[in-house]
Amino acid sequence: MSVETIEQRSTSRKHAPRYRVLLHNDDYNSMEYVVQVLVKTVTSLTMPQAVDIMMQAHSNGTALVITCAQEHAEFYSETLKAHGLTSTIEPDD
């Protein structure tokens, strides 16, 4: 086995599969509440980003909140659900 083969093996890494966290529109929560929950749950979101996500879900039925590792996606989705929002995750192909 050559040194090059070992080096190639150690530098080629598989990326963890990523998942999309989706927010679904509902007729129960106010727009302001949805924005507040998004900002509180996904701390990397700015207020304008949260407003855009909420409006996209309102207009299209669903909106992409964030794409991240599966464990984080599950956490975000479950936290949104715990606050009364409808959320799912799906693989990011």
PDB file of N, CA and C in Angstrom:
ATOM      1  N   MET A   1       0.857  -1.189   0.000  1.00  0.00           N
ATOM      2  CA  MET A   1       0.000   0.000   0.000  1.00  0.00           C
ATOM      3  C   MET A   1       0.895   1.241   0.000  1.00  0.00           C
ATOM      4  N   SER A   2       0.634   2.153  -0.864  1.00  0.00           N
ATOM      5  CA  SER A   2       1.467   3.348  -0.961  1.00  0.00           C
ATOM      6  C   SER A   2       0.988   4.423   0.015  1.00  0.00           C
ATOM      7  N   VAL A   3       1.864   5.365   0.284  1.00  0.00           N
ATOM      8  CA  VAL A   3       1.526   6.484   1.172  1.00  0.00           C
ATOM      9  C   VAL A   3       0.385   7.300   0.580  1.00  0.00           C
ATOM     10  N   GLU A   4       0.374   7.436  -0.729  1.00  0.00           N
ATOM     11  CA  GLU A   4      -0.670   8.202  -1.415  1.00  0.00           C
ATOM     12  C   GLU A   4      -2.059   7.620  -1.140  1.00  0.00           C
ATOM     13  N   THR A   5      -2.169   6.301  -1.166  1.00  0.00           N
ATOM     14  CA  THR A   5      -3.467   5.651  -0.915  1.00  0.00           C
ATOM     15  C   THR A   5      -3.965   5.959   0.492  1.00  0.00           C
ATOM     16  N   ILE A   6      -3.081   5.875   1.471  1.00  0.00           N
ATOM     17  CA  ILE A   6      -3.461   6.167   2.857  1.00  0.00           C
ATOM     18  C   ILE A   6      -3.885   7.631   2.983  1.00  0.00           C
ATOM     19  N   GLU A   7      -3.120   8.511   2.365  1.00  0.00           N
ATOM     20  CA  GLU A   7      -3.441   9.929   2.418  1.00  0.00           C
ATOM     21  C   GLU A   7      -4.804  10.215   1.797  1.00  0.00           C
ATOM     22  N   GLN A   8      -5.080   9.613   0.652  1.00  0.00           N
ATOM     23  CA  GLN A   8      -6.366   9.825  -0.007  1.00  0.00           C
ATOM     24  C   GLN A   8      -7.506   9.345   0.878  1.00  0.00           C
ATOM     25  N   ARG A   9      -7.317   8.216   1.506  1.00  0.00           N
ATOM     26  CA  ARG A   9      -8.374   7.681   2.360  1.00  0.00           C
ATOM     27  C   ARG A   9      -8.670   8.617   3.530  1.00  0.00           C
ATOM     28  N   SER A  10      -7.625   9.159   4.132  1.00  0.00           N
ATOM     29  CA  SER A  10      -7.831  10.001   5.317  1.00  0.00           C
ATOM     30  C   SER A  10      -8.414  11.367   4.964  1.00  0.00           C
ATOM     31  N   THR A  11      -8.205  11.818   3.730  1.00  0.00           N
ATOM     32  CA  THR A  11      -8.721  13.143   3.379  1.00  0.00           C
ATOM     33  C   THR A  11     -10.100  13.098   2.740  1.00  0.00           C
ATOM     34  N   SER A  12     -10.515  11.919   2.257  1.00  0.00           N
ATOM     35  CA  SER A  12     -11.854  11.869   1.659  1.00  0.00           C
ATOM     36  C   SER A  12     -12.857  11.504   2.746  1.00  0.00           C
ATOM     37  N   ARG A  13     -13.716  12.438   3.052  1.00  0.00           N
ATOM     38  CA  ARG A  13     -14.714  12.242   4.101  1.00  0.00           C
ATOM     39  C   ARG A  13     -16.103  12.224   3.503  1.00  0.00           C
ATOM     40  N   LYS A  14     -16.948  11.421   4.104  1.00  0.00           N
ATOM     41  CA  LYS A  14     -18.347  11.426   3.683  1.00  0.00           C
ATOM     42  C   LYS A  14     -19.055  12.516   4.473  1.00  0.00           C
ATOM     43  N   HIS A  15     -19.841  13.292   3.789  1.00  0.00           N
ATOM     44  CA  HIS A  15     -20.619  14.315   4.475  1.00  0.00           C
ATOM     45  C   HIS A  15     -21.871  13.674   5.053  1.00  0.00           C
ATOM     46  N   ALA A  16     -22.204  14.078   6.254  1.00  0.00           N
ATOM     47  CA  ALA A  16     -23.432  13.577   6.872  1.00  0.00           C
ATOM     48  C   ALA A  16     -24.612  14.027   6.030  1.00  0.00           C
ATOM     49  N   PRO A  17     -25.601  13.164   5.860  1.00  0.00           N
ATOM     50  CA  PRO A  17     -26.763  13.586   5.069  1.00  0.00           C
ATOM     51  C   PRO A  17     -27.445  14.785   5.715  1.00  0.00           C
ATOM     52  N   ARG A  18     -27.915  15.675   4.882  1.00  0.00           N
ATOM     53  CA  ARG A  18     -28.563  16.885   5.391  1.00  0.00           C
ATOM     54  C   ARG A  18     -30.072  16.766   5.213  1.00  0.00           C
ATOM     55  N   TYR A  19     -30.784  17.451   6.076  1.00  0.00           N
ATOM     56  CA  TYR A  19     -32.238  17.399   6.073  1.00  0.00           C
ATOM     57  C   TYR A  19     -32.811  18.796   6.043  1.00  0.00           C
ATOM     58  N   ARG A  20     -33.958  18.911   5.379  1.00  0.00           N
ATOM     59  CA  ARG A  20     -34.672  20.185   5.316  1.00  0.00           C
ATOM     60  C   ARG A  20     -35.750  20.192   6.384  1.00  0.00           C
ATOM     61  N   VAL A  21     -35.816  21.282   7.111  1.00  0.00           N
ATOM     62  CA  VAL A  21     -36.894  21.490   8.083  1.00  0.00           C
ATOM     63  C   VAL A  21     -37.937  22.336   7.383  1.00  0.00           C
ATOM     64  N   LEU A  22     -39.157  21.813   7.304  1.00  0.00           N
ATOM     65  CA  LEU A  22     -40.235  22.518   6.609  1.00  0.00           C
ATOM     66  C   LEU A  22     -41.273  23.013   7.614  1.00  0.00           C
ATOM     67  N   LEU A  23     -41.753  24.208   7.372  1.00  0.00           N
ATOM     68  CA  LEU A  23     -42.858  24.789   8.132  1.00  0.00           C
ATOM     69  C   LEU A  23     -44.093  24.719   7.254  1.00  0.00           C
ATOM     70  N   HIS A  24     -45.191  24.240   7.817  1.00  0.00           N
ATOM     71  CA  HIS A  24     -46.444  24.138   7.070  1.00  0.00           C
ATOM     72  C   HIS A  24     -47.399  25.235   7.538  1.00  0.00           C
ATOM     73  N   ASN A  25     -48.153  25.759   6.611  1.00  0.00           N
ATOM     74  CA  ASN A  25     -49.137  26.784   6.947  1.00  0.00           C
ATOM     75  C   ASN A  25     -50.219  26.186   7.839  1.00  0.00           C
ATOM     76  N   ASP A  26     -50.746  26.997   8.732  1.00  0.00           N
ATOM     77  CA  ASP A  26     -51.910  26.581   9.524  1.00  0.00           C
ATOM     78  C   ASP A  26     -52.858  27.759   9.670  1.00  0.00           C
ATOM     79  N   ASP A  27     -54.062  27.480  10.064  1.00  0.00           N
ATOM     80  CA  ASP A  27     -55.063  28.536  10.221  1.00  0.00           C
ATOM     81  C   ASP A  27     -55.277  28.906  11.689  1.00  0.00           C
ATOM     82  N   TYR A  28     -54.350  28.509  12.544  1.00  0.00           N
ATOM     83  CA  TYR A  28     -54.557  28.678  13.984  1.00  0.00           C
ATOM     84  C   TYR A  28     -53.665  29.738  14.607  1.00  0.00           C
ATOM     85  N   ASN A  29     -52.407  29.788  14.204  1.00  0.00           N
ATOM     86  CA  ASN A  29     -51.453  30.700  14.839  1.00  0.00           C
ATOM     87  C   ASN A  29     -51.352  32.017  14.080  1.00  0.00           C
ATOM     88  N   SER A  30     -51.165  33.094  14.840  1.00  0.00           N
ATOM     89  CA  SER A  30     -51.008  34.404  14.199  1.00  0.00           C
ATOM     90  C   SER A  30     -49.647  34.475  13.506  1.00  0.00           C
ATOM     91  N   MET A  31     -49.559  35.329  12.509  1.00  0.00           N
ATOM     92  CA  MET A  31     -48.306  35.504  11.781  1.00  0.00           C
ATOM     93  C   MET A  31     -47.198  35.963  12.716  1.00  0.00           C
ATOM     94  N   GLU A  32     -47.523  36.857  13.634  1.00  0.00           N
ATOM     95  CA  GLU A  32     -46.541  37.377  14.581  1.00  0.00           C
ATOM     96  C   GLU A  32     -45.999  36.259  15.464  1.00  0.00           C
ATOM     97  N   TYR A  33     -46.907  35.381  15.926  1.00  0.00           N
ATOM     98  CA  TYR A  33     -46.503  34.270  16.784  1.00  0.00           C
ATOM     99  C   TYR A  33     -45.560  33.327  16.038  1.00  0.00           C
ATOM    100  N   VAL A  34     -45.878  33.011  14.793  1.00  0.00           N
ATOM    101  CA  VAL A  34     -45.044  32.118  13.991  1.00  0.00           C
ATOM    102  C   VAL A  34     -43.641  32.706  13.847  1.00  0.00           C
ATOM    103  N   VAL A  35     -43.551  33.988  13.558  1.00  0.00           N
ATOM    104  CA  VAL A  35     -42.253  34.659  13.412  1.00  0.00           C
ATOM    105  C   VAL A  35     -41.479  34.593  14.729  1.00  0.00           C
ATOM    106  N   GLN A  36     -42.145  34.863  15.847  1.00  0.00           N
ATOM    107  CA  GLN A  36     -41.477  34.808  17.158  1.00  0.00           C
ATOM    108  C   GLN A  36     -40.931  33.411  17.447  1.00  0.00           C
ATOM    109  N   VAL A  37     -41.732  32.384  17.171  1.00  0.00           N
ATOM    110  CA  VAL A  37     -41.300  31.004  17.425  1.00  0.00           C
ATOM    111  C   VAL A  37     -40.116  30.643  16.529  1.00  0.00           C
ATOM    112  N   LEU A  38     -40.160  31.040  15.268  1.00  0.00           N
ATOM    113  CA  LEU A  38     -39.049  30.750  14.356  1.00  0.00           C
ATOM    114  C   LEU A  38     -37.748  31.366  14.859  1.00  0.00           C
ATOM    115  N   VAL A  39     -37.782  32.623  15.253  1.00  0.00           N
ATOM    116  CA  VAL A  39     -36.576  33.322  15.708  1.00  0.00           C
ATOM    117  C   VAL A  39     -36.051  32.704  17.012  1.00  0.00           C
ATOM    118  N   LYS A  40     -36.971  32.318  17.890  1.00  0.00           N
ATOM    119  CA  LYS A  40     -36.579  31.729  19.168  1.00  0.00           C
ATOM    120  C   LYS A  40     -36.025  30.314  18.983  1.00  0.00           C
ATOM    121  N   THR A  41     -36.578  29.561  18.042  1.00  0.00           N
ATOM    122  CA  THR A  41     -36.186  28.166  17.834  1.00  0.00           C
ATOM    123  C   THR A  41     -34.897  28.047  17.023  1.00  0.00           C
ATOM    124  N   VAL A  42     -34.831  28.770  15.913  1.00  0.00           N
ATOM    125  CA  VAL A  42     -33.655  28.720  15.033  1.00  0.00           C
ATOM    126  C   VAL A  42     -32.923  30.045  15.218  1.00  0.00           C
ATOM    127  N   THR A  43     -32.014  30.054  16.178  1.00  0.00           N
ATOM    128  CA  THR A  43     -31.395  31.323  16.596  1.00  0.00           C
ATOM    129  C   THR A  43     -30.547  31.981  15.512  1.00  0.00           C
ATOM    130  N   SER A  44     -30.196  31.232  14.460  1.00  0.00           N
ATOM    131  CA  SER A  44     -29.420  31.833  13.370  1.00  0.00           C
ATOM    132  C   SER A  44     -30.295  32.667  12.435  1.00  0.00           C
ATOM    133  N   LEU A  45     -31.623  32.554  12.567  1.00  0.00           N
ATOM    134  CA  LEU A  45     -32.526  33.328  11.711  1.00  0.00           C
ATOM    135  C   LEU A  45     -32.651  34.762  12.204  1.00  0.00           C
ATOM    136  N   THR A  46     -32.661  35.686  11.248  1.00  0.00           N
ATOM    137  CA  THR A  46     -32.950  37.077  11.584  1.00  0.00           C
ATOM    138  C   THR A  46     -34.465  37.273  11.526  1.00  0.00           C
ATOM    139  N   MET A  47     -34.927  38.360  12.066  1.00  0.00           N
ATOM    140  CA  MET A  47     -36.360  38.666  12.022  1.00  0.00           C
ATOM    141  C   MET A  47     -36.864  38.741  10.575  1.00  0.00           C
ATOM    142  N   PRO A  48     -36.169  39.452   9.660  1.00  0.00           N
ATOM    143  CA  PRO A  48     -36.639  39.488   8.266  1.00  0.00           C
ATOM    144  C   PRO A  48     -36.678  38.098   7.620  1.00  0.00           C
ATOM    145  N   GLN A  49     -35.705  37.237   7.926  1.00  0.00           N
ATOM    146  CA  GLN A  49     -35.719  35.877   7.379  1.00  0.00           C
ATOM    147  C   GLN A  49     -36.932  35.110   7.904  1.00  0.00           C
ATOM    148  N   ALA A  50     -37.218  35.249   9.184  1.00  0.00           N
ATOM    149  CA  ALA A  50     -38.362  34.558   9.786  1.00  0.00           C
ATOM    150  C   ALA A  50     -39.668  35.046   9.161  1.00  0.00           C
ATOM    151  N   VAL A  51     -39.766  36.338   8.907  1.00  0.00           N
ATOM    152  CA  VAL A  51     -40.965  36.894   8.260  1.00  0.00           C
ATOM    153  C   VAL A  51     -41.107  36.304   6.855  1.00  0.00           C
ATOM    154  N   ASP A  52     -39.988  36.212   6.115  1.00  0.00           N
ATOM    155  CA  ASP A  52     -40.032  35.629   4.765  1.00  0.00           C
ATOM    156  C   ASP A  52     -40.492  34.175   4.800  1.00  0.00           C
ATOM    157  N   ILE A  53     -39.978  33.407   5.756  1.00  0.00           N
ATOM    158  CA  ILE A  53     -40.355  31.993   5.886  1.00  0.00           C
ATOM    159  C   ILE A  53     -41.844  31.883   6.207  1.00  0.00           C
ATOM    160  N   MET A  54     -42.306  32.686   7.148  1.00  0.00           N
ATOM    161  CA  MET A  54     -43.719  32.664   7.528  1.00  0.00           C
ATOM    162  C   MET A  54     -44.597  33.017   6.327  1.00  0.00           C
ATOM    163  N   MET A  55     -44.222  34.053   5.574  1.00  0.00           N
ATOM    164  CA  MET A  55     -45.020  34.474   4.418  1.00  0.00           C
ATOM    165  C   MET A  55     -45.013  33.402   3.321  1.00  0.00           C
ATOM    166  N   GLN A  56     -43.879  32.742   3.118  1.00  0.00           N
ATOM    167  CA  GLN A  56     -43.808  31.685   2.114  1.00  0.00           C
ATOM    168  C   GLN A  56     -44.722  30.524   2.502  1.00  0.00           C
ATOM    169  N   ALA A  57     -44.715  30.143   3.790  1.00  0.00           N
ATOM    170  CA  ALA A  57     -45.609  29.069   4.253  1.00  0.00           C
ATOM    171  C   ALA A  57     -47.066  29.507   4.089  1.00  0.00           C
ATOM    172  N   HIS A  58     -47.337  30.752   4.412  1.00  0.00           N
ATOM    173  CA  HIS A  58     -48.699  31.281   4.301  1.00  0.00           C
ATOM    174  C   HIS A  58     -49.180  31.270   2.850  1.00  0.00           C
ATOM    175  N   SER A  59     -48.304  31.649   1.943  1.00  0.00           N
ATOM    176  CA  SER A  59     -48.669  31.753   0.520  1.00  0.00           C
ATOM    177  C   SER A  59     -48.646  30.418  -0.209  1.00  0.00           C
ATOM    178  N   ASN A  60     -47.659  29.571   0.088  1.00  0.00           N
ATOM    179  CA  ASN A  60     -47.432  28.345  -0.691  1.00  0.00           C
ATOM    180  C   ASN A  60     -47.815  27.057   0.039  1.00  0.00           C
ATOM    181  N   GLY A  61     -48.133  27.162   1.314  1.00  0.00           N
ATOM    182  CA  GLY A  61     -48.474  25.967   2.081  1.00  0.00           C
ATOM    183  C   GLY A  61     -47.325  25.397   2.882  1.00  0.00           C
ATOM    184  N   THR A  62     -46.099  25.519   2.360  1.00  0.00           N
ATOM    185  CA  THR A  62     -44.906  25.100   3.096  1.00  0.00           C
ATOM    186  C   THR A  62     -43.769  26.060   2.810  1.00  0.00           C
ATOM    187  N   ALA A  63     -42.778  26.043   3.710  1.00  0.00           N
ATOM    188  CA  ALA A  63     -41.590  26.878   3.516  1.00  0.00           C
ATOM    189  C   ALA A  63     -40.389  26.172   4.127  1.00  0.00           C
ATOM    190  N   LEU A  64     -39.235  26.347   3.510  1.00  0.00           N
ATOM    191  CA  LEU A  64     -37.989  25.820   4.033  1.00  0.00           C
ATOM    192  C   LEU A  64     -37.512  26.720   5.170  1.00  0.00           C
ATOM    193  N   VAL A  65     -37.299  26.126   6.342  1.00  0.00           N
ATOM    194  CA  VAL A  65     -36.809  26.891   7.494  1.00  0.00           C
ATOM    195  C   VAL A  65     -35.289  26.873   7.502  1.00  0.00           C
ATOM    196  N   ILE A  66     -34.695  25.661   7.443  1.00  0.00           N
ATOM    197  CA  ILE A  66     -33.246  25.509   7.497  1.00  0.00           C
ATOM    198  C   ILE A  66     -32.888  24.133   6.966  1.00  0.00           C
ATOM    199  N   THR A  67     -31.683  23.995   6.443  1.00  0.00           N
ATOM    200  CA  THR A  67     -31.141  22.696   6.035  1.00  0.00           C
ATOM    201  C   THR A  67     -29.941  22.418   6.925  1.00  0.00           C
ATOM    202  N   CYS A  68     -29.949  21.240   7.567  1.00  0.00           N
ATOM    203  CA  CYS A  68     -28.894  20.936   8.530  1.00  0.00           C
ATOM    204  C   CYS A  68     -28.795  19.428   8.741  1.00  0.00           C
ATOM    205  N   ALA A  69     -27.921  19.015   9.646  1.00  0.00           N
ATOM    206  CA  ALA A  69     -27.766  17.600   9.979  1.00  0.00           C
ATOM    207  C   ALA A  69     -29.074  17.058  10.554  1.00  0.00           C
ATOM    208  N   GLN A  70     -29.289  15.760  10.401  1.00  0.00           N
ATOM    209  CA  GLN A  70     -30.554  15.145  10.809  1.00  0.00           C
ATOM    210  C   GLN A  70     -30.897  15.410  12.279  1.00  0.00           C
ATOM    211  N   GLU A  71     -29.923  15.271  13.151  1.00  0.00           N
ATOM    212  CA  GLU A  71     -30.192  15.472  14.582  1.00  0.00           C
ATOM    213  C   GLU A  71     -30.689  16.885  14.867  1.00  0.00           C
ATOM    214  N   HIS A  72     -30.062  17.868  14.242  1.00  0.00           N
ATOM    215  CA  HIS A  72     -30.496  19.257  14.422  1.00  0.00           C
ATOM    216  C   HIS A  72     -31.873  19.473  13.798  1.00  0.00           C
ATOM    217  N   ALA A  73     -32.078  18.895  12.616  1.00  0.00           N
ATOM    218  CA  ALA A  73     -33.371  19.045  11.936  1.00  0.00           C
ATOM    219  C   ALA A  73     -34.497  18.485  12.797  1.00  0.00           C
ATOM    220  N   GLU A  74     -34.273  17.322  13.378  1.00  0.00           N
ATOM    221  CA  GLU A  74     -35.288  16.722  14.249  1.00  0.00           C
ATOM    222  C   GLU A  74     -35.567  17.617  15.450  1.00  0.00           C
ATOM    223  N   PHE A  75     -34.504  18.180  16.028  1.00  0.00           N
ATOM    224  CA  PHE A  75     -34.666  19.081  17.176  1.00  0.00           C
ATOM    225  C   PHE A  75     -35.490  20.310  16.794  1.00  0.00           C
ATOM    226  N   TYR A  76     -35.130  20.961  15.689  1.00  0.00           N
ATOM    227  CA  TYR A  76     -35.861  22.157  15.262  1.00  0.00           C
ATOM    228  C   TYR A  76     -37.330  21.835  14.988  1.00  0.00           C
ATOM    229  N   SER A  77     -37.574  20.750  14.266  1.00  0.00           N
ATOM    230  CA  SER A  77     -38.943  20.380  13.923  1.00  0.00           C
ATOM    231  C   SER A  77     -39.761  20.079  15.176  1.00  0.00           C
ATOM    232  N   GLU A  78     -39.191  19.319  16.097  1.00  0.00           N
ATOM    233  CA  GLU A  78     -39.904  18.980  17.338  1.00  0.00           C
ATOM    234  C   GLU A  78     -40.168  20.224  18.183  1.00  0.00           C
ATOM    235  N   THR A  79     -39.214  21.145  18.197  1.00  0.00           N
ATOM    236  CA  THR A  79     -39.392  22.386  18.967  1.00  0.00           C
ATOM    237  C   THR A  79     -40.499  23.244  18.361  1.00  0.00           C
ATOM    238  N   LEU A  80     -40.539  23.329  17.031  1.00  0.00           N
ATOM    239  CA  LEU A  80     -41.616  24.072  16.370  1.00  0.00           C
ATOM    240  C   LEU A  80     -42.966  23.437  16.703  1.00  0.00           C
ATOM    241  N   LYS A  81     -43.024  22.106  16.659  1.00  0.00           N
ATOM    242  CA  LYS A  81     -44.266  21.393  16.986  1.00  0.00           C
ATOM    243  C   LYS A  81     -44.681  21.636  18.436  1.00  0.00           C
ATOM    244  N   ALA A  82     -43.710  21.664  19.331  1.00  0.00           N
ATOM    245  CA  ALA A  82     -43.999  21.892  20.755  1.00  0.00           C
ATOM    246  C   ALA A  82     -44.624  23.265  20.983  1.00  0.00           C
ATOM    247  N   HIS A  83     -44.355  24.193  20.063  1.00  0.00           N
ATOM    248  CA  HIS A  83     -44.949  25.535  20.143  1.00  0.00           C
ATOM    249  C   HIS A  83     -46.231  25.645  19.313  1.00  0.00           C
ATOM    250  N   GLY A  84     -46.752  24.518  18.868  1.00  0.00           N
ATOM    251  CA  GLY A  84     -48.036  24.520  18.169  1.00  0.00           C
ATOM    252  C   GLY A  84     -47.970  24.725  16.671  1.00  0.00           C
ATOM    253  N   LEU A  85     -46.773  24.710  16.103  1.00  0.00           N
ATOM    254  CA  LEU A  85     -46.638  24.871  14.657  1.00  0.00           C
ATOM    255  C   LEU A  85     -46.549  23.498  14.001  1.00  0.00           C
ATOM    256  N   THR A  86     -46.838  23.430  12.714  1.00  0.00           N
ATOM    257  CA  THR A  86     -46.751  22.172  11.976  1.00  0.00           C
ATOM    258  C   THR A  86     -45.449  22.168  11.203  1.00  0.00           C
ATOM    259  N   SER A  87     -44.637  21.144  11.471  1.00  0.00           N
ATOM    260  CA  SER A  87     -43.315  21.064  10.845  1.00  0.00           C
ATOM    261  C   SER A  87     -42.977  19.611  10.529  1.00  0.00           C
ATOM    262  N   THR A  88     -42.251  19.422   9.440  1.00  0.00           N
ATOM    263  CA  THR A  88     -41.753  18.099   9.072  1.00  0.00           C
ATOM    264  C   THR A  88     -40.314  18.249   8.622  1.00  0.00           C
ATOM    265  N   ILE A  89     -39.610  17.111   8.519  1.00  0.00           N
ATOM    266  CA  ILE A  89     -38.280  17.122   7.934  1.00  0.00           C
ATOM    267  C   ILE A  89     -38.252  16.150   6.764  1.00  0.00           C
ATOM    268  N   GLU A  90     -37.347  16.408   5.825  1.00  0.00           N
ATOM    269  CA  GLU A  90     -37.161  15.511   4.687  1.00  0.00           C
ATOM    270  C   GLU A  90     -35.704  15.567   4.265  1.00  0.00           C
ATOM    271  N   PRO A  91     -35.203  14.467   3.682  1.00  0.00           N
ATOM    272  CA  PRO A  91     -33.818  14.481   3.214  1.00  0.00           C
ATOM    273  C   PRO A  91     -33.602  15.571   2.165  1.00  0.00           C
ATOM    274  N   ASP A  92     -32.440  16.190   2.209  1.00  0.00           N
ATOM    275  CA  ASP A  92     -32.068  17.201   1.208  1.00  0.00           C
ATOM    276  C   ASP A  92     -31.287  16.490   0.123  1.00  0.00           C
ATOM    277  N   ASP A  93     -31.947  16.195  -0.993  1.00  0.00           N
ATOM    278  CA  ASP A  93     -31.303  15.425  -2.067  1.00  0.00           C
ATOM    279  C   ASP A  93     -30.434  16.275  -2.952  1.00  0.00           C
TER     280      ASP A  93
END
